[in-house]
Amino acid sequence: ILFSLCLIFSGLLIAQDIRIAASWSTAVPIGEISKLVNTTSGRGMQFEFDKFKKDHWSLGGNFAWQSFFQKDFKMYFEDQSITSGIQRNYINSISVFATTKYFFTNTTNRIKAYISFDIGTSVIENYEIFGVYSYKELLWHFAVAPGVGVDIPATKNLGIQIYLKYPNSFRNNNSIHYSWLNTGIVLY
């Protein structure tokens, strides 16, 4: 039943000229987040849809998840004492965006470069564990993600995109500004 509903839903969306896409993404932490986790993460995915309003312009939505993890041995010096142990940092981000893309004209072939801009919200969990001590932060953030990419269509409704985005989840209350470079391959 679920498979049949997916086929019907996909058929309805194709009939409406709405493109559905899924991607695997990697990310490199930048700025304040790199003080907590400074390793590249291959744990991310995005689902998006967009509808062309004109030949070169589309509007749509994007749901994204990115996860970061780092485990290190740390030593902290305070006053006359030394504390050492294994520190684990987990950062999970779930974002919901409205997105727009502008595709540049290419008269040689069907491959098109594009620029994109996403605006929306992110819920970010920052979980730090040091020995028996832990700190957990779970906050909503206003977020934007400008990006660039290349669209390589095989047919009207089938192809790939390669992108580079810069998601920013801005400072909220006492939290930090979360940002990273995100790259991935989209299948649509």
C-alpha atoms as a PDB file:
ATOM      1  CA  ILE A   1       0.000   0.000   0.000  1.00  0.00           C
ATOM      2  CA  LEU A   2       2.805   2.402   0.941  1.00  0.00           C
ATOM      3  CA  PHE A   3       4.665   1.678  -2.317  1.00  0.00           C
ATOM      4  CA  SER A   4       1.461   2.342  -4.322  1.00  0.00           C
ATOM      5  CA  LEU A   5       0.873   5.637  -2.525  1.00  0.00           C
ATOM      6  CA  CYS A   6       4.466   6.711  -3.249  1.00  0.00           C
ATOM      7  CA  LEU A   7       4.015   5.926  -6.956  1.00  0.00           C
ATOM      8  CA  ILE A   8       0.745   7.852  -7.122  1.00  0.00           C
ATOM      9  CA  PHE A   9       2.207  10.805  -5.190  1.00  0.00           C
ATOM     10  CA  SER A  10       5.302  10.870  -7.436  1.00  0.00           C
ATOM     11  CA  GLY A  11       3.107  10.752 -10.547  1.00  0.00           C
ATOM     12  CA  LEU A  12       1.002  13.649  -9.314  1.00  0.00           C
ATOM     13  CA  LEU A  13       4.088  15.720  -8.544  1.00  0.00           C
ATOM     14  CA  ILE A  14       5.667  15.047 -11.950  1.00  0.00           C
ATOM     15  CA  ALA A  15       2.384  16.053 -13.580  1.00  0.00           C
ATOM     16  CA  GLN A  16       2.605  19.337 -11.646  1.00  0.00           C
ATOM     17  CA  ASP A  17       6.237  19.932 -12.792  1.00  0.00           C
ATOM     18  CA  ILE A  18       7.455  19.612  -9.229  1.00  0.00           C
ATOM     19  CA  ARG A  19      10.891  18.068  -8.894  1.00  0.00           C
ATOM     20  CA  ILE A  20      11.641  15.872  -5.863  1.00  0.00           C
ATOM     21  CA  ALA A  21      15.273  15.273  -4.910  1.00  0.00           C
ATOM     22  CA  ALA A  22      17.331  13.520  -2.238  1.00  0.00           C
ATOM     23  CA  SER A  23      20.983  13.989  -1.427  1.00  0.00           C
ATOM     24  CA  TRP A  24      23.783  12.770   0.778  1.00  0.00           C
ATOM     25  CA  SER A  25      25.881  15.592   2.167  1.00  0.00           C
ATOM     26  CA  THR A  26      29.206  16.162   3.865  1.00  0.00           C
ATOM     27  CA  ALA A  27      30.061  19.177   5.989  1.00  0.00           C
ATOM     28  CA  VAL A  28      33.086  21.027   7.328  1.00  0.00           C
ATOM     29  CA  PRO A  29      32.471  23.042  10.540  1.00  0.00           C
ATOM     30  CA  ILE A  30      33.412  26.739  10.373  1.00  0.00           C
ATOM     31  CA  GLY A  31      33.651  29.456  13.016  1.00  0.00           C
ATOM     32  CA  GLU A  32      32.436  28.893  16.560  1.00  0.00           C
ATOM     33  CA  ILE A  33      31.225  25.350  15.903  1.00  0.00           C
ATOM     34  CA  SER A  34      34.777  24.287  14.958  1.00  0.00           C
ATOM     35  CA  LYS A  35      35.833  24.876  18.583  1.00  0.00           C
ATOM     36  CA  LEU A  36      33.473  22.064  19.607  1.00  0.00           C
ATOM     37  CA  VAL A  37      33.854  19.737  16.604  1.00  0.00           C
ATOM     38  CA  ASN A  38      36.631  20.273  14.071  1.00  0.00           C
ATOM     39  CA  THR A  39      36.287  17.134  11.943  1.00  0.00           C
ATOM     40  CA  THR A  40      34.557  16.762   8.590  1.00  0.00           C
ATOM     41  CA  SER A  41      31.224  14.971   8.814  1.00  0.00           C
ATOM     42  CA  GLY A  42      29.816  12.622   6.195  1.00  0.00           C
ATOM     43  CA  ARG A  43      26.613  12.173   8.171  1.00  0.00           C
ATOM     44  CA  GLY A  44      24.017  14.296   6.442  1.00  0.00           C
ATOM     45  CA  MET A  45      21.086  14.143   4.061  1.00  0.00           C
ATOM     46  CA  GLN A  46      18.659  16.491   2.408  1.00  0.00           C
ATOM     47  CA  PHE A  47      15.248  16.121   0.794  1.00  0.00           C
ATOM     48  CA  GLU A  48      13.959  18.910  -1.373  1.00  0.00           C
ATOM     49  CA  PHE A  49      11.285  19.769  -3.862  1.00  0.00           C
ATOM     50  CA  ASP A  50      11.045  22.671  -6.231  1.00  0.00           C
ATOM     51  CA  LYS A  51       8.715  23.954  -8.918  1.00  0.00           C
ATOM     52  CA  PHE A  52       9.876  26.087 -11.820  1.00  0.00           C
ATOM     53  CA  LYS A  53       8.044  29.427 -11.921  1.00  0.00           C
ATOM     54  CA  LYS A  54       9.893  30.519 -15.057  1.00  0.00           C
ATOM     55  CA  ASP A  55      12.511  28.825 -17.249  1.00  0.00           C
ATOM     56  CA  HIS A  56      15.387  29.968 -15.026  1.00  0.00           C
ATOM     57  CA  TRP A  57      13.765  30.383 -11.601  1.00  0.00           C
ATOM     58  CA  SER A  58      12.343  27.860  -9.122  1.00  0.00           C
ATOM     59  CA  LEU A  59      10.752  27.941  -5.669  1.00  0.00           C
ATOM     60  CA  GLY A  60      10.553  25.057  -3.234  1.00  0.00           C
ATOM     61  CA  GLY A  61      11.350  23.614   0.141  1.00  0.00           C
ATOM     62  CA  ASN A  62      14.207  21.739   1.777  1.00  0.00           C
ATOM     63  CA  PHE A  63      14.436  19.431   4.789  1.00  0.00           C
ATOM     64  CA  ALA A  64      18.019  18.801   5.939  1.00  0.00           C
ATOM     65  CA  TRP A  65      19.791  16.821   8.664  1.00  0.00           C
ATOM     66  CA  GLN A  66      23.495  17.133   9.499  1.00  0.00           C
ATOM     67  CA  SER A  67      25.348  15.467  12.364  1.00  0.00           C
ATOM     68  CA  PHE A  68      28.821  16.103  13.784  1.00  0.00           C
ATOM     69  CA  PHE A  69      30.795  14.003  16.282  1.00  0.00           C
ATOM     70  CA  GLN A  70      34.235  14.245  17.846  1.00  0.00           C
ATOM     71  CA  LYS A  71      35.934  12.268  20.627  1.00  0.00           C
ATOM     72  CA  ASP A  72      39.185  13.565  22.181  1.00  0.00           C
ATOM     73  CA  PHE A  73      41.315  13.273  25.283  1.00  0.00           C
ATOM     74  CA  LYS A  74      41.213  16.689  27.021  1.00  0.00           C
ATOM     75  CA  MET A  75      43.036  18.285  29.929  1.00  0.00           C
ATOM     76  CA  TYR A  76      41.680  21.353  31.720  1.00  0.00           C
ATOM     77  CA  PHE A  77      43.749  23.472  34.105  1.00  0.00           C
ATOM     78  CA  GLU A  78      41.901  25.607  36.640  1.00  0.00           C
ATOM     79  CA  ASP A  79      43.370  27.261  39.730  1.00  0.00           C
ATOM     80  CA  GLN A  80      45.519  24.578  41.407  1.00  0.00           C
ATOM     81  CA  SER A  81      43.878  21.520  39.796  1.00  0.00           C
ATOM     82  CA  ILE A  82      44.052  19.475  36.600  1.00  0.00           C
ATOM     83  CA  THR A  83      41.083  17.593  35.173  1.00  0.00           C
ATOM     84  CA  SER A  84      41.577  15.125  32.334  1.00  0.00           C
ATOM     85  CA  GLY A  85      39.442  12.598  30.506  1.00  0.00           C
ATOM     86  CA  ILE A  86      37.649  11.645  27.301  1.00  0.00           C
ATOM     87  CA  GLN A  87      35.400  14.373  25.902  1.00  0.00           C
ATOM     88  CA  ARG A  88      32.698  13.582  23.348  1.00  0.00           C
ATOM     89  CA  ASN A  89      30.849  16.299  21.414  1.00  0.00           C
ATOM     90  CA  TYR A  90      27.697  15.602  19.405  1.00  0.00           C
ATOM     91  CA  ILE A  91      25.954  18.225  17.288  1.00  0.00           C
ATOM     92  CA  ASN A  92      22.753  17.406  15.387  1.00  0.00           C
ATOM     93  CA  SER A  93      20.977  19.920  13.181  1.00  0.00           C
ATOM     94  CA  ILE A  94      17.547  19.524  11.584  1.00  0.00           C
ATOM     95  CA  SER A  95      16.564  22.358   9.246  1.00  0.00           C
ATOM     96  CA  VAL A  96      13.417  23.274   7.343  1.00  0.00           C
ATOM     97  CA  PHE A  97      13.860  25.849   4.579  1.00  0.00           C
ATOM     98  CA  ALA A  98      11.958  27.659   1.872  1.00  0.00           C
ATOM     99  CA  THR A  99      14.308  27.786  -1.094  1.00  0.00           C
ATOM    100  CA  THR A 100      14.745  29.581  -4.381  1.00  0.00           C
ATOM    101  CA  LYS A 101      17.164  28.847  -7.232  1.00  0.00           C
ATOM    102  CA  TYR A 102      18.191  30.861 -10.266  1.00  0.00           C
ATOM    103  CA  PHE A 103      19.587  28.820 -13.183  1.00  0.00           C
ATOM    104  CA  PHE A 104      21.965  30.499 -15.645  1.00  0.00           C
ATOM    105  CA  THR A 105      21.452  30.068 -19.393  1.00  0.00           C
ATOM    106  CA  ASN A 106      23.707  27.657 -21.243  1.00  0.00           C
ATOM    107  CA  THR A 107      23.378  27.512 -25.054  1.00  0.00           C
ATOM    108  CA  THR A 108      26.035  24.810 -25.584  1.00  0.00           C
ATOM    109  CA  ASN A 109      24.404  21.936 -23.640  1.00  0.00           C
ATOM    110  CA  ARG A 110      21.764  21.280 -20.980  1.00  0.00           C
ATOM    111  CA  ILE A 111      24.163  21.573 -18.003  1.00  0.00           C
ATOM    112  CA  LYS A 112      23.317  24.713 -16.002  1.00  0.00           C
ATOM    113  CA  ALA A 113      25.024  26.497 -13.132  1.00  0.00           C
ATOM    114  CA  TYR A 114      22.757  27.936 -10.437  1.00  0.00           C
ATOM    115  CA  ILE A 115      22.737  30.026  -7.296  1.00  0.00           C
ATOM    116  CA  SER A 116      20.366  29.282  -4.437  1.00  0.00           C
ATOM    117  CA  PHE A 117      19.144  30.862  -1.237  1.00  0.00           C
ATOM    118  CA  ASP A 118      17.389  29.009   1.605  1.00  0.00           C
ATOM    119  CA  ILE A 119      15.665  30.702   4.535  1.00  0.00           C
ATOM    120  CA  GLY A 120      13.998  28.988   7.477  1.00  0.00           C
ATOM    121  CA  THR A 121      14.649  27.498  10.870  1.00  0.00           C
ATOM    122  CA  SER A 122      16.945  24.917  12.478  1.00  0.00           C
ATOM    123  CA  VAL A 123      16.685  22.994  15.697  1.00  0.00           C
ATOM    124  CA  ILE A 124      20.181  22.192  16.931  1.00  0.00           C
ATOM    125  CA  GLU A 125      21.170  19.797  19.691  1.00  0.00           C
ATOM    126  CA  ASN A 126      24.615  20.361  21.179  1.00  0.00           C
ATOM    127  CA  TYR A 127      25.533  17.534  23.560  1.00  0.00           C
ATOM    128  CA  GLU A 128      28.925  17.544  25.319  1.00  0.00           C
ATOM    129  CA  ILE A 129      30.108  14.757  27.626  1.00  0.00           C
ATOM    130  CA  PHE A 130      33.271  14.936  29.742  1.00  0.00           C
ATOM    131  CA  GLY A 131      33.696  11.934  32.020  1.00  0.00           C
ATOM    132  CA  VAL A 132      30.643  11.908  34.281  1.00  0.00           C
ATOM    133  CA  TYR A 133      29.701  15.519  33.467  1.00  0.00           C
ATOM    134  CA  SER A 134      27.456  16.492  30.574  1.00  0.00           C
ATOM    135  CA  TYR A 135      25.925  19.577  28.998  1.00  0.00           C
ATOM    136  CA  LYS A 136      22.986  19.559  26.604  1.00  0.00           C
ATOM    137  CA  GLU A 137      21.527  22.443  24.613  1.00  0.00           C
ATOM    138  CA  LEU A 138      18.478  22.115  22.359  1.00  0.00           C
ATOM    139  CA  LEU A 139      17.399  25.389  20.718  1.00  0.00           C
ATOM    140  CA  TRP A 140      15.597  26.692  17.635  1.00  0.00           C
ATOM    141  CA  HIS A 141      17.544  29.109  15.437  1.00  0.00           C
ATOM    142  CA  PHE A 142      16.760  31.411  12.507  1.00  0.00           C
ATOM    143  CA  ALA A 143      18.764  30.031   9.573  1.00  0.00           C
ATOM    144  CA  VAL A 144      19.832  30.892   6.023  1.00  0.00           C
ATOM    145  CA  ALA A 145      21.884  28.887   3.513  1.00  0.00           C
ATOM    146  CA  PRO A 146      23.235  30.574   0.368  1.00  0.00           C
ATOM    147  CA  GLY A 147      24.637  28.193  -2.210  1.00  0.00           C
ATOM    148  CA  VAL A 148      25.937  27.495  -5.709  1.00  0.00           C
ATOM    149  CA  GLY A 149      25.655  24.386  -7.817  1.00  0.00           C
ATOM    150  CA  VAL A 150      25.582  22.650 -11.165  1.00  0.00           C
ATOM    151  CA  ASP A 151      22.479  20.948 -12.586  1.00  0.00           C
ATOM    152  CA  ILE A 152      23.145  18.007 -14.935  1.00  0.00           C
ATOM    153  CA  PRO A 153      19.821  16.751 -16.339  1.00  0.00           C
ATOM    154  CA  ALA A 154      19.524  13.341 -18.018  1.00  0.00           C
ATOM    155  CA  THR A 155      15.835  13.893 -18.874  1.00  0.00           C
ATOM    156  CA  LYS A 156      13.245  16.474 -17.856  1.00  0.00           C
ATOM    157  CA  ASN A 157      12.616  14.810 -14.479  1.00  0.00           C
ATOM    158  CA  LEU A 158      15.835  12.836 -13.932  1.00  0.00           C
ATOM    159  CA  GLY A 159      19.359  14.063 -13.272  1.00  0.00           C
ATOM    160  CA  ILE A 160      21.917  15.084 -10.669  1.00  0.00           C
ATOM    161  CA  GLN A 161      23.021  18.298  -9.012  1.00  0.00           C
ATOM    162  CA  ILE A 162      26.330  18.994  -7.299  1.00  0.00           C
ATOM    163  CA  TYR A 163      26.172  21.806  -4.746  1.00  0.00           C
ATOM    164  CA  LEU A 164      28.090  23.822  -2.168  1.00  0.00           C
ATOM    165  CA  LYS A 165      26.058  25.555   0.580  1.00  0.00           C
ATOM    166  CA  TYR A 166      26.913  27.654   3.606  1.00  0.00           C
ATOM    167  CA  PRO A 167      24.226  26.955   6.263  1.00  0.00           C
ATOM    168  CA  ASN A 168      24.108  29.515   9.081  1.00  0.00           C
ATOM    169  CA  SER A 169      22.026  29.046  12.217  1.00  0.00           C
ATOM    170  CA  PHE A 170      22.324  32.355  14.000  1.00  0.00           C
ATOM    171  CA  ARG A 171      23.014  32.923  17.688  1.00  0.00           C
ATOM    172  CA  ASN A 172      19.994  32.354  19.946  1.00  0.00           C
ATOM    173  CA  ASN A 173      19.930  33.235  23.650  1.00  0.00           C
ATOM    174  CA  ASN A 174      23.302  32.069  24.997  1.00  0.00           C
ATOM    175  CA  SER A 175      24.086  29.633  22.185  1.00  0.00           C
ATOM    176  CA  ILE A 176      26.826  29.974  19.591  1.00  0.00           C
ATOM    177  CA  HIS A 177      26.508  30.774  15.875  1.00  0.00           C
ATOM    178  CA  TYR A 178      26.430  27.406  14.090  1.00  0.00           C
ATOM    179  CA  SER A 179      27.804  27.413  10.526  1.00  0.00           C
ATOM    180  CA  TRP A 180      29.473  24.968   8.156  1.00  0.00           C
ATOM    181  CA  LEU A 181      30.303  24.394   4.500  1.00  0.00           C
ATOM    182  CA  ASN A 182      28.056  21.713   3.088  1.00  0.00           C
ATOM    183  CA  THR A 183      28.576  19.870  -0.179  1.00  0.00           C
ATOM    184  CA  GLY A 184      26.666  17.041  -1.730  1.00  0.00           C
ATOM    185  CA  ILE A 185      25.292  15.204  -4.718  1.00  0.00           C
ATOM    186  CA  VAL A 186      21.545  15.409  -5.381  1.00  0.00           C
ATOM    187  CA  LEU A 187      19.561  12.804  -7.313  1.00  0.00           C
ATOM    188  CA  TYR A 188      16.233  13.882  -8.785  1.00  0.00           C
END
